[in-house]
Amino acid sequence: MEMLDRIGDNDDKDRMSLPRSVSNLENTERKRVKSRLKKLILKRPTLQTLQEKGLIKDQVFGCALEMLCEREHSVVPRFVRLCIEAVERRGLQTDGIYRVSGNLAVIQKLRYMVNHERAVTTDGRYMFPEEFVREEKLNLDQSEWEDVHVITGALKLFFRELPEPLVPYGFFTDIMEAVKMSDYWDKVDRLKCLMLNIPPPNHDTLHFLFSHLKRVLEHSDVNRMTTQNLGIVFGPSLMRSERDTGLLALDMLHQNQAVELILAEFHHIFGTNKNALSS
């Protein structure tokens, strides 16, 4: 706005040498254009308004996994990697890791910061080239994120806010049926088959997450997180039915059991061909 005013002042000086009639016409036209520009600037919608209308969407939380990975040119979302790496540096021996809740206000602050590093359009493209954006790089080792429960809380929130769960809707019923199978190795083999057929970003992110949770279990004598604890925490976050089945309690039980079984037979279900993901 100040720039428009300065432009107007400079124009007034230039018009001193023009005939009065021409000067008046130009002055009127310039004022009209200047007034329209001011109105246009004042009418610009806020970022929040654009987000509410769906013209700009949050680029990490609430973004489809495939779109997020494609935009980041990765197989596992950057935020997931950062959180897991931070937990493995300083949280594996923390009592109740993933079970204990972090400060919700700080979790929401972290969520906001991650979502506003760069604005993104609805088709997943960055709005501005990277060289024009002063982007604050996320550093989870900063003092404001020193509570590891904030990081684990934000990671669980990321999974809960995916438009489609990490285990896609189309696989939910099959996984629930697999868990109910009576023969142990039949159900393990069925889960392995299902994991091999889910979309690559989902498969790779699940592999990365469960590989991490196996390392959490290695410290269960200190952090007191058992396979059952992790099943309760992650079952509902990673898989759910697209429609209300009316069997919420039963579904939750089977969701937990699916997570427990994947943890117990991680190497059989995922094999060893994806080890590079955890490096």
C-alpha atoms as a PDB file:
ATOM      1  CA  MET A   1       0.000   0.000   0.000  1.00  0.00           C
ATOM      2  CA  GLU A   2       2.827   2.421   0.863  1.00  0.00           C
ATOM      3  CA  MET A   3       4.461   1.587  -2.454  1.00  0.00           C
ATOM      4  CA  LEU A   4       1.287   2.627  -4.300  1.00  0.00           C
ATOM      5  CA  ASP A   5       1.299   5.953  -2.413  1.00  0.00           C
ATOM      6  CA  ARG A   6       4.956   6.576  -3.289  1.00  0.00           C
ATOM      7  CA  ILE A   7       4.254   5.844  -6.946  1.00  0.00           C
ATOM      8  CA  GLY A   8       1.442   8.372  -6.841  1.00  0.00           C
ATOM      9  CA  ASP A   9       3.723  11.043  -5.338  1.00  0.00           C
ATOM     10  CA  ASN A  10       6.347  10.545  -8.052  1.00  0.00           C
ATOM     11  CA  ASP A  11       3.692  10.789 -10.767  1.00  0.00           C
ATOM     12  CA  ASP A  12       2.544  14.142  -9.355  1.00  0.00           C
ATOM     13  CA  LYS A  13       6.070  15.536  -9.835  1.00  0.00           C
ATOM     14  CA  ASP A  14       6.253  14.286 -13.432  1.00  0.00           C
ATOM     15  CA  ARG A  15       2.959  15.941 -14.322  1.00  0.00           C
ATOM     16  CA  MET A  16       4.153  19.424 -13.315  1.00  0.00           C
ATOM     17  CA  SER A  17       5.500  20.008 -16.868  1.00  0.00           C
ATOM     18  CA  LEU A  18       2.343  18.828 -18.710  1.00  0.00           C
ATOM     19  CA  PRO A  19      -0.527  21.054 -19.945  1.00  0.00           C
ATOM     20  CA  ARG A  20      -3.275  21.438 -17.320  1.00  0.00           C
ATOM     21  CA  SER A  21      -5.983  19.586 -19.339  1.00  0.00           C
ATOM     22  CA  VAL A  22      -3.753  16.591 -20.045  1.00  0.00           C
ATOM     23  CA  SER A  23      -2.467  16.619 -16.497  1.00  0.00           C
ATOM     24  CA  ASN A  24      -6.011  16.571 -15.071  1.00  0.00           C
ATOM     25  CA  LEU A  25      -7.046  13.636 -17.253  1.00  0.00           C
ATOM     26  CA  GLU A  26      -3.976  11.653 -16.342  1.00  0.00           C
ATOM     27  CA  ASN A  27      -4.412  12.516 -12.683  1.00  0.00           C
ATOM     28  CA  THR A  28      -8.017  11.271 -12.689  1.00  0.00           C
ATOM     29  CA  GLU A  29      -7.137   8.054 -14.497  1.00  0.00           C
ATOM     30  CA  ARG A  30      -4.181   7.306 -12.234  1.00  0.00           C
ATOM     31  CA  LYS A  31      -6.267   7.906  -9.122  1.00  0.00           C
ATOM     32  CA  ARG A  32      -8.918   5.565 -10.446  1.00  0.00           C
ATOM     33  CA  VAL A  33      -6.362   2.803 -11.150  1.00  0.00           C
ATOM     34  CA  LYS A  34      -4.696   3.382  -7.798  1.00  0.00           C
ATOM     35  CA  SER A  35      -8.058   3.140  -6.017  1.00  0.00           C
ATOM     36  CA  ARG A  36      -8.882  -0.125  -7.774  1.00  0.00           C
ATOM     37  CA  LEU A  37      -5.511  -1.602  -6.883  1.00  0.00           C
ATOM     38  CA  LYS A  38      -5.983  -0.692  -3.223  1.00  0.00           C
ATOM     39  CA  LYS A  39      -9.432  -2.296  -3.188  1.00  0.00           C
ATOM     40  CA  LEU A  40      -8.046  -5.423  -4.853  1.00  0.00           C
ATOM     41  CA  ILE A  41      -5.265  -5.711  -2.287  1.00  0.00           C
ATOM     42  CA  LEU A  42      -7.656  -5.200   0.622  1.00  0.00           C
ATOM     43  CA  LYS A  43      -9.999  -7.865  -0.755  1.00  0.00           C
ATOM     44  CA  ARG A  44      -7.309 -10.538  -0.953  1.00  0.00           C
ATOM     45  CA  PRO A  45      -8.511 -13.656   0.890  1.00  0.00           C
ATOM     46  CA  THR A  46      -6.498 -14.817   3.869  1.00  0.00           C
ATOM     47  CA  LEU A  47      -4.563 -18.075   3.818  1.00  0.00           C
ATOM     48  CA  GLN A  48      -7.119 -19.523   6.232  1.00  0.00           C
ATOM     49  CA  THR A  49      -9.978 -18.597   3.869  1.00  0.00           C
ATOM     50  CA  LEU A  50      -8.217 -20.227   0.924  1.00  0.00           C
ATOM     51  CA  GLN A  51      -7.636 -23.358   2.993  1.00  0.00           C
ATOM     52  CA  GLU A  52     -11.292 -23.464   4.091  1.00  0.00           C
ATOM     53  CA  LYS A  53     -12.395 -23.219   0.446  1.00  0.00           C
ATOM     54  CA  GLY A  54     -10.030 -26.021  -0.495  1.00  0.00           C
ATOM     55  CA  LEU A  55      -7.900 -23.850  -2.783  1.00  0.00           C
ATOM     56  CA  ILE A  56      -4.854 -24.391  -0.601  1.00  0.00           C
ATOM     57  CA  LYS A  57      -4.494 -27.468   1.545  1.00  0.00           C
ATOM     58  CA  ASP A  58      -2.158 -28.319   4.374  1.00  0.00           C
ATOM     59  CA  GLN A  59       0.820 -29.991   2.792  1.00  0.00           C
ATOM     60  CA  VAL A  60       1.779 -32.618   5.362  1.00  0.00           C
ATOM     61  CA  PHE A  61      -0.945 -33.347   7.902  1.00  0.00           C
ATOM     62  CA  GLY A  62      -4.125 -34.367   6.106  1.00  0.00           C
ATOM     63  CA  CYS A  63      -2.369 -34.843   2.770  1.00  0.00           C
ATOM     64  CA  ALA A  64      -2.831 -38.091   0.850  1.00  0.00           C
ATOM     65  CA  LEU A  65       0.201 -40.307   1.421  1.00  0.00           C
ATOM     66  CA  GLU A  66       0.879 -40.982  -2.252  1.00  0.00           C
ATOM     67  CA  MET A  67       0.702 -37.274  -3.119  1.00  0.00           C
ATOM     68  CA  LEU A  68       2.980 -36.356  -0.221  1.00  0.00           C
ATOM     69  CA  CYS A  69       5.614 -38.947  -1.141  1.00  0.00           C
ATOM     70  CA  GLU A  70       5.462 -37.982  -4.807  1.00  0.00           C
ATOM     71  CA  ARG A  71       5.973 -34.322  -3.977  1.00  0.00           C
ATOM     72  CA  GLU A  72       8.901 -35.100  -1.672  1.00  0.00           C
ATOM     73  CA  HIS A  73      10.399 -37.637  -4.118  1.00  0.00           C
ATOM     74  CA  SER A  74      10.529 -40.167  -1.277  1.00  0.00           C
ATOM     75  CA  VAL A  75       9.084 -43.542  -0.315  1.00  0.00           C
ATOM     76  CA  VAL A  76       8.477 -42.505   3.306  1.00  0.00           C
ATOM     77  CA  PRO A  77       7.214 -39.009   4.268  1.00  0.00           C
ATOM     78  CA  ARG A  78       9.966 -36.734   5.537  1.00  0.00           C
ATOM     79  CA  PHE A  79       8.040 -35.892   8.711  1.00  0.00           C
ATOM     80  CA  VAL A  80       7.663 -39.588   9.570  1.00  0.00           C
ATOM     81  CA  ARG A  81      11.402 -40.095   9.129  1.00  0.00           C
ATOM     82  CA  LEU A  82      12.274 -37.056  11.251  1.00  0.00           C
ATOM     83  CA  CYS A  83      10.004 -38.143  14.105  1.00  0.00           C
ATOM     84  CA  ILE A  84      11.230 -41.730  14.146  1.00  0.00           C
ATOM     85  CA  GLU A  85      14.874 -40.677  13.930  1.00  0.00           C
ATOM     86  CA  ALA A  86      14.356 -38.286  16.857  1.00  0.00           C
ATOM     87  CA  VAL A  87      12.696 -41.000  18.954  1.00  0.00           C
ATOM     88  CA  GLU A  88      15.524 -43.420  18.215  1.00  0.00           C
ATOM     89  CA  ARG A  89      18.131 -40.863  19.217  1.00  0.00           C
ATOM     90  CA  ARG A  90      16.639 -40.016  22.592  1.00  0.00           C
ATOM     91  CA  GLY A  91      13.380 -41.829  23.327  1.00  0.00           C
ATOM     92  CA  LEU A  92      13.755 -45.601  23.053  1.00  0.00           C
ATOM     93  CA  GLN A  93      14.270 -45.958  26.783  1.00  0.00           C
ATOM     94  CA  THR A  94      11.576 -43.447  27.786  1.00  0.00           C
ATOM     95  CA  ASP A  95       8.929 -44.968  30.033  1.00  0.00           C
ATOM     96  CA  GLY A  96       5.630 -45.344  28.170  1.00  0.00           C
ATOM     97  CA  ILE A  97       6.959 -44.146  24.829  1.00  0.00           C
ATOM     98  CA  TYR A  98       3.990 -43.797  22.406  1.00  0.00           C
ATOM     99  CA  ARG A  99       1.558 -44.655  25.213  1.00  0.00           C
ATOM    100  CA  VAL A 100       2.040 -41.473  27.276  1.00  0.00           C
ATOM    101  CA  SER A 101       0.394 -38.385  25.786  1.00  0.00           C
ATOM    102  CA  GLY A 102       2.384 -35.240  25.050  1.00  0.00           C
ATOM    103  CA  ASN A 103       1.265 -31.659  25.641  1.00  0.00           C
ATOM    104  CA  LEU A 104      -1.546 -31.117  23.124  1.00  0.00           C
ATOM    105  CA  ALA A 105      -0.834 -27.405  22.682  1.00  0.00           C
ATOM    106  CA  VAL A 106       2.815 -28.090  21.816  1.00  0.00           C
ATOM    107  CA  ILE A 107       1.794 -30.925  19.480  1.00  0.00           C
ATOM    108  CA  GLN A 108      -0.542 -28.547  17.657  1.00  0.00           C
ATOM    109  CA  LYS A 109       2.253 -25.951  17.468  1.00  0.00           C
ATOM    110  CA  LEU A 110       4.494 -28.550  15.828  1.00  0.00           C
ATOM    111  CA  ARG A 111       1.685 -29.538  13.464  1.00  0.00           C
ATOM    112  CA  TYR A 112       1.166 -25.899  12.461  1.00  0.00           C
ATOM    113  CA  MET A 113       4.875 -25.349  11.872  1.00  0.00           C
ATOM    114  CA  VAL A 114       5.182 -28.446   9.681  1.00  0.00           C
ATOM    115  CA  ASN A 115       2.101 -27.528   7.666  1.00  0.00           C
ATOM    116  CA  HIS A 116       3.216 -23.982   6.952  1.00  0.00           C
ATOM    117  CA  GLU A 117       6.788 -24.508   5.816  1.00  0.00           C
ATOM    118  CA  ARG A 118       5.575 -23.974   2.254  1.00  0.00           C
ATOM    119  CA  ALA A 119       2.117 -23.380   0.787  1.00  0.00           C
ATOM    120  CA  VAL A 120       0.775 -26.089  -1.518  1.00  0.00           C
ATOM    121  CA  THR A 121      -2.037 -26.156  -4.065  1.00  0.00           C
ATOM    122  CA  THR A 122      -4.808 -28.770  -4.123  1.00  0.00           C
ATOM    123  CA  ASP A 123      -3.022 -30.813  -6.804  1.00  0.00           C
ATOM    124  CA  GLY A 124       0.034 -31.147  -4.575  1.00  0.00           C
ATOM    125  CA  ARG A 125       2.367 -28.593  -6.192  1.00  0.00           C
ATOM    126  CA  TYR A 126       4.329 -26.029  -4.211  1.00  0.00           C
ATOM    127  CA  MET A 127       2.913 -22.555  -4.818  1.00  0.00           C
ATOM    128  CA  PHE A 128       6.307 -20.866  -5.031  1.00  0.00           C
ATOM    129  CA  PRO A 129       9.718 -22.064  -6.244  1.00  0.00           C
ATOM    130  CA  GLU A 130      11.973 -23.100  -3.382  1.00  0.00           C
ATOM    131  CA  GLU A 131      14.509 -20.326  -4.078  1.00  0.00           C
ATOM    132  CA  PHE A 132      11.815 -17.700  -3.395  1.00  0.00           C
ATOM    133  CA  VAL A 133      10.751 -19.188  -0.073  1.00  0.00           C
ATOM    134  CA  ARG A 134      12.482 -18.520   3.234  1.00  0.00           C
ATOM    135  CA  GLU A 135      11.710 -21.902   4.703  1.00  0.00           C
ATOM    136  CA  GLU A 136      12.524 -22.690   8.310  1.00  0.00           C
ATOM    137  CA  LYS A 137      13.867 -26.225   8.353  1.00  0.00           C
ATOM    138  CA  LEU A 138      12.289 -28.424  11.000  1.00  0.00           C
ATOM    139  CA  ASN A 139      14.740 -29.431  13.710  1.00  0.00           C
ATOM    140  CA  LEU A 140      13.256 -31.776  16.294  1.00  0.00           C
ATOM    141  CA  ASP A 141      16.349 -31.467  18.461  1.00  0.00           C
ATOM    142  CA  GLN A 142      15.461 -27.877  19.371  1.00  0.00           C
ATOM    143  CA  SER A 143      14.552 -27.252  23.010  1.00  0.00           C
ATOM    144  CA  GLU A 144      10.879 -26.560  22.277  1.00  0.00           C
ATOM    145  CA  TRP A 145      10.502 -30.201  21.157  1.00  0.00           C
ATOM    146  CA  GLU A 146      12.589 -31.655  23.991  1.00  0.00           C
ATOM    147  CA  ASP A 147       9.638 -33.687  25.321  1.00  0.00           C
ATOM    148  CA  VAL A 148       9.789 -36.831  23.209  1.00  0.00           C
ATOM    149  CA  HIS A 149       6.100 -37.460  23.940  1.00  0.00           C
ATOM    150  CA  VAL A 150       5.319 -34.358  21.852  1.00  0.00           C
ATOM    151  CA  ILE A 151       7.101 -35.929  18.888  1.00  0.00           C
ATOM    152  CA  THR A 152       5.385 -39.294  19.298  1.00  0.00           C
ATOM    153  CA  GLY A 153       2.048 -37.521  19.732  1.00  0.00           C
ATOM    154  CA  ALA A 154       2.576 -35.562  16.511  1.00  0.00           C
ATOM    155  CA  LEU A 155       3.522 -38.743  14.640  1.00  0.00           C
ATOM    156  CA  LYS A 156       0.370 -40.532  15.816  1.00  0.00           C
ATOM    157  CA  LEU A 157      -1.664 -37.453  14.862  1.00  0.00           C
ATOM    158  CA  PHE A 158      -0.129 -37.504  11.371  1.00  0.00           C
ATOM    159  CA  PHE A 159      -1.294 -41.091  10.866  1.00  0.00           C
ATOM    160  CA  ARG A 160      -4.779 -40.362  12.254  1.00  0.00           C
ATOM    161  CA  GLU A 161      -5.229 -37.386   9.915  1.00  0.00           C
ATOM    162  CA  LEU A 162      -4.359 -39.214   6.711  1.00  0.00           C
ATOM    163  CA  PRO A 163      -7.405 -38.967   4.396  1.00  0.00           C
ATOM    164  CA  GLU A 164      -7.102 -42.732   3.955  1.00  0.00           C
ATOM    165  CA  PRO A 165      -5.409 -44.810   6.671  1.00  0.00           C
ATOM    166  CA  LEU A 166      -1.895 -46.139   6.238  1.00  0.00           C
ATOM    167  CA  VAL A 167      -3.554 -49.533   5.708  1.00  0.00           C
ATOM    168  CA  PRO A 168      -5.915 -48.573   2.846  1.00  0.00           C
ATOM    169  CA  TYR A 169      -9.660 -49.044   3.277  1.00  0.00           C
ATOM    170  CA  GLY A 170      -9.738 -51.758   0.634  1.00  0.00           C
ATOM    171  CA  PHE A 171      -7.508 -53.989   2.757  1.00  0.00           C
ATOM    172  CA  PHE A 172      -9.242 -53.534   6.096  1.00  0.00           C
ATOM    173  CA  THR A 173     -11.793 -56.362   5.813  1.00  0.00           C
ATOM    174  CA  ASP A 174      -9.203 -58.802   4.456  1.00  0.00           C
ATOM    175  CA  ILE A 175      -6.839 -58.053   7.335  1.00  0.00           C
ATOM    176  CA  MET A 176      -9.629 -58.476   9.872  1.00  0.00           C
ATOM    177  CA  GLU A 177     -10.513 -61.838   8.312  1.00  0.00           C
ATOM    178  CA  ALA A 178      -6.867 -62.893   8.266  1.00  0.00           C
ATOM    179  CA  VAL A 179      -6.506 -62.216  11.980  1.00  0.00           C
ATOM    180  CA  LYS A 180      -9.496 -64.482  12.678  1.00  0.00           C
ATOM    181  CA  MET A 181      -7.957 -67.479  10.905  1.00  0.00           C
ATOM    182  CA  SER A 182      -7.400 -70.424  13.232  1.00  0.00           C
ATOM    183  CA  ASP A 183      -4.031 -71.609  11.930  1.00  0.00           C
ATOM    184  CA  TYR A 184      -1.214 -69.301  13.065  1.00  0.00           C
ATOM    185  CA  TRP A 185       1.015 -69.610  10.001  1.00  0.00           C
ATOM    186  CA  ASP A 186      -1.918 -69.380   7.627  1.00  0.00           C
ATOM    187  CA  LYS A 187      -2.796 -65.983   9.090  1.00  0.00           C
ATOM    188  CA  VAL A 188       0.858 -64.873   8.975  1.00  0.00           C
ATOM    189  CA  ASP A 189       1.148 -65.865   5.312  1.00  0.00           C
ATOM    190  CA  ARG A 190      -2.132 -64.147   4.526  1.00  0.00           C
ATOM    191  CA  LEU A 191      -0.913 -60.923   6.160  1.00  0.00           C
ATOM    192  CA  LYS A 192       2.329 -61.180   4.198  1.00  0.00           C
ATOM    193  CA  CYS A 193       0.383 -61.492   0.952  1.00  0.00           C
ATOM    194  CA  LEU A 194      -1.784 -58.484   1.819  1.00  0.00           C
ATOM    195  CA  MET A 195       1.231 -56.338   2.756  1.00  0.00           C
ATOM    196  CA  LEU A 196       2.889 -57.159  -0.566  1.00  0.00           C
ATOM    197  CA  ASN A 197      -0.149 -55.898  -2.461  1.00  0.00           C
ATOM    198  CA  ILE A 198      -0.806 -52.568  -0.797  1.00  0.00           C
ATOM    199  CA  PRO A 199       0.424 -49.448  -2.664  1.00  0.00           C
ATOM    200  CA  PRO A 200       4.206 -48.835  -2.494  1.00  0.00           C
ATOM    201  CA  PRO A 201       4.096 -45.654  -0.335  1.00  0.00           C
ATOM    202  CA  ASN A 202       1.882 -47.435   2.201  1.00  0.00           C
ATOM    203  CA  HIS A 203       4.019 -50.575   2.163  1.00  0.00           C
ATOM    204  CA  ASP A 204       7.289 -48.684   2.569  1.00  0.00           C
ATOM    205  CA  THR A 205       5.969 -46.418   5.322  1.00  0.00           C
ATOM    206  CA  LEU A 206       4.511 -49.389   7.201  1.00  0.00           C
ATOM    207  CA  HIS A 207       7.823 -51.222   6.873  1.00  0.00           C
ATOM    208  CA  PHE A 208       9.728 -48.191   8.163  1.00  0.00           C
ATOM    209  CA  LEU A 209       7.340 -47.721  11.086  1.00  0.00           C
ATOM    210  CA  PHE A 210       7.227 -51.367  12.168  1.00  0.00           C
ATOM    211  CA  SER A 211      10.991 -51.677  11.865  1.00  0.00           C
ATOM    212  CA  HIS A 212      11.175 -48.782  14.333  1.00  0.00           C
ATOM    213  CA  LEU A 213       8.571 -50.318  16.649  1.00  0.00           C
ATOM    214  CA  LYS A 214      10.619 -53.525  16.739  1.00  0.00           C
ATOM    215  CA  ARG A 215      13.497 -51.440  18.090  1.00  0.00           C
ATOM    216  CA  VAL A 216      11.145 -49.925  20.663  1.00  0.00           C
ATOM    217  CA  LEU A 217      10.327 -53.459  21.798  1.00  0.00           C
ATOM    218  CA  GLU A 218      14.014 -54.244  22.228  1.00  0.00           C
ATOM    219  CA  HIS A 219      13.973 -51.790  25.150  1.00  0.00           C
ATOM    220  CA  SER A 220      10.688 -52.984  26.656  1.00  0.00           C
ATOM    221  CA  ASP A 221      12.383 -53.851  29.954  1.00  0.00           C
ATOM    222  CA  VAL A 222      13.037 -50.119  30.397  1.00  0.00           C
ATOM    223  CA  ASN A 223      10.247 -48.345  28.458  1.00  0.00           C
ATOM    224  CA  ARG A 224       7.624 -50.922  29.514  1.00  0.00           C
ATOM    225  CA  MET A 225       6.113 -50.994  26.027  1.00  0.00           C
ATOM    226  CA  THR A 226       5.038 -54.523  25.118  1.00  0.00           C
ATOM    227  CA  THR A 227       3.679 -55.865  21.850  1.00  0.00           C
ATOM    228  CA  GLN A 228       0.181 -55.598  23.335  1.00  0.00           C
ATOM    229  CA  ASN A 229       0.759 -51.972  24.351  1.00  0.00           C
ATOM    230  CA  LEU A 230       1.882 -51.020  20.852  1.00  0.00           C
ATOM    231  CA  GLY A 231      -1.066 -52.905  19.339  1.00  0.00           C
ATOM    232  CA  ILE A 232      -3.485 -50.854  21.458  1.00  0.00           C
ATOM    233  CA  VAL A 233      -1.734 -47.589  20.551  1.00  0.00           C
ATOM    234  CA  PHE A 234      -1.309 -48.123  16.817  1.00  0.00           C
ATOM    235  CA  GLY A 235      -4.146 -50.464  15.824  1.00  0.00           C
ATOM    236  CA  PRO A 236      -6.853 -47.795  15.442  1.00  0.00           C
ATOM    237  CA  SER A 237      -4.383 -45.225  14.053  1.00  0.00           C
ATOM    238  CA  LEU A 238      -3.130 -47.363  11.188  1.00  0.00           C
ATOM    239  CA  MET A 239      -6.291 -49.130  10.016  1.00  0.00           C
ATOM    240  CA  ARG A 240     -10.027 -48.560  10.176  1.00  0.00           C
ATOM    241  CA  SER A 241     -13.174 -49.320   8.229  1.00  0.00           C
ATOM    242  CA  GLU A 242     -14.384 -46.787   5.684  1.00  0.00           C
ATOM    243  CA  ARG A 243     -17.957 -47.246   6.976  1.00  0.00           C
ATOM    244  CA  ASP A 244     -19.352 -47.807  10.430  1.00  0.00           C
ATOM    245  CA  THR A 245     -19.698 -51.561  10.832  1.00  0.00           C
ATOM    246  CA  GLY A 246     -21.472 -51.351  14.184  1.00  0.00           C
ATOM    247  CA  LEU A 247     -18.750 -53.618  15.565  1.00  0.00           C
ATOM    248  CA  LEU A 248     -16.384 -50.978  16.904  1.00  0.00           C
ATOM    249  CA  ALA A 249     -15.160 -52.935  19.929  1.00  0.00           C
ATOM    250  CA  LEU A 250     -14.619 -56.134  17.926  1.00  0.00           C
ATOM    251  CA  ASP A 251     -12.875 -54.269  15.104  1.00  0.00           C
ATOM    252  CA  MET A 252     -10.595 -52.571  17.608  1.00  0.00           C
ATOM    253  CA  LEU A 253      -9.645 -55.926  19.088  1.00  0.00           C
ATOM    254  CA  HIS A 254      -8.755 -57.287  15.655  1.00  0.00           C
ATOM    255  CA  GLN A 255      -6.881 -54.085  14.722  1.00  0.00           C
ATOM    256  CA  ASN A 256      -4.731 -54.473  17.815  1.00  0.00           C
ATOM    257  CA  GLN A 257      -4.151 -58.162  17.088  1.00  0.00           C
ATOM    258  CA  ALA A 258      -3.093 -57.348  13.509  1.00  0.00           C
ATOM    259  CA  VAL A 259      -0.443 -54.911  14.767  1.00  0.00           C
ATOM    260  CA  GLU A 260       0.744 -57.451  17.341  1.00  0.00           C
ATOM    261  CA  LEU A 261       1.040 -60.168  14.698  1.00  0.00           C
ATOM    262  CA  ILE A 262       2.963 -57.935  12.287  1.00  0.00           C
ATOM    263  CA  LEU A 263       5.374 -57.053  15.096  1.00  0.00           C
ATOM    264  CA  ALA A 264       5.773 -60.685  16.157  1.00  0.00           C
ATOM    265  CA  GLU A 265       6.418 -61.879  12.595  1.00  0.00           C
ATOM    266  CA  PHE A 266       7.895 -58.701  11.129  1.00  0.00           C
ATOM    267  CA  HIS A 267      10.780 -60.358   9.273  1.00  0.00           C
ATOM    268  CA  HIS A 268       8.532 -63.040   7.782  1.00  0.00           C
ATOM    269  CA  ILE A 269       5.792 -60.610   6.697  1.00  0.00           C
ATOM    270  CA  PHE A 270       8.053 -57.907   5.255  1.00  0.00           C
ATOM    271  CA  GLY A 271      11.083 -60.013   4.382  1.00  0.00           C
ATOM    272  CA  THR A 272      14.552 -58.487   4.289  1.00  0.00           C
ATOM    273  CA  ASN A 273      14.537 -56.859   0.869  1.00  0.00           C
ATOM    274  CA  LYS A 274      13.539 -53.447   2.276  1.00  0.00           C
ATOM    275  CA  ASN A 275      16.233 -53.099   4.920  1.00  0.00           C
ATOM    276  CA  ALA A 276      17.630 -50.046   3.187  1.00  0.00           C
ATOM    277  CA  LEU A 277      14.562 -48.120   4.319  1.00  0.00           C
ATOM    278  CA  SER A 278      15.724 -48.105   7.906  1.00  0.00           C
ATOM    279  CA  SER A 279      19.240 -46.942   7.159  1.00  0.00           C
END
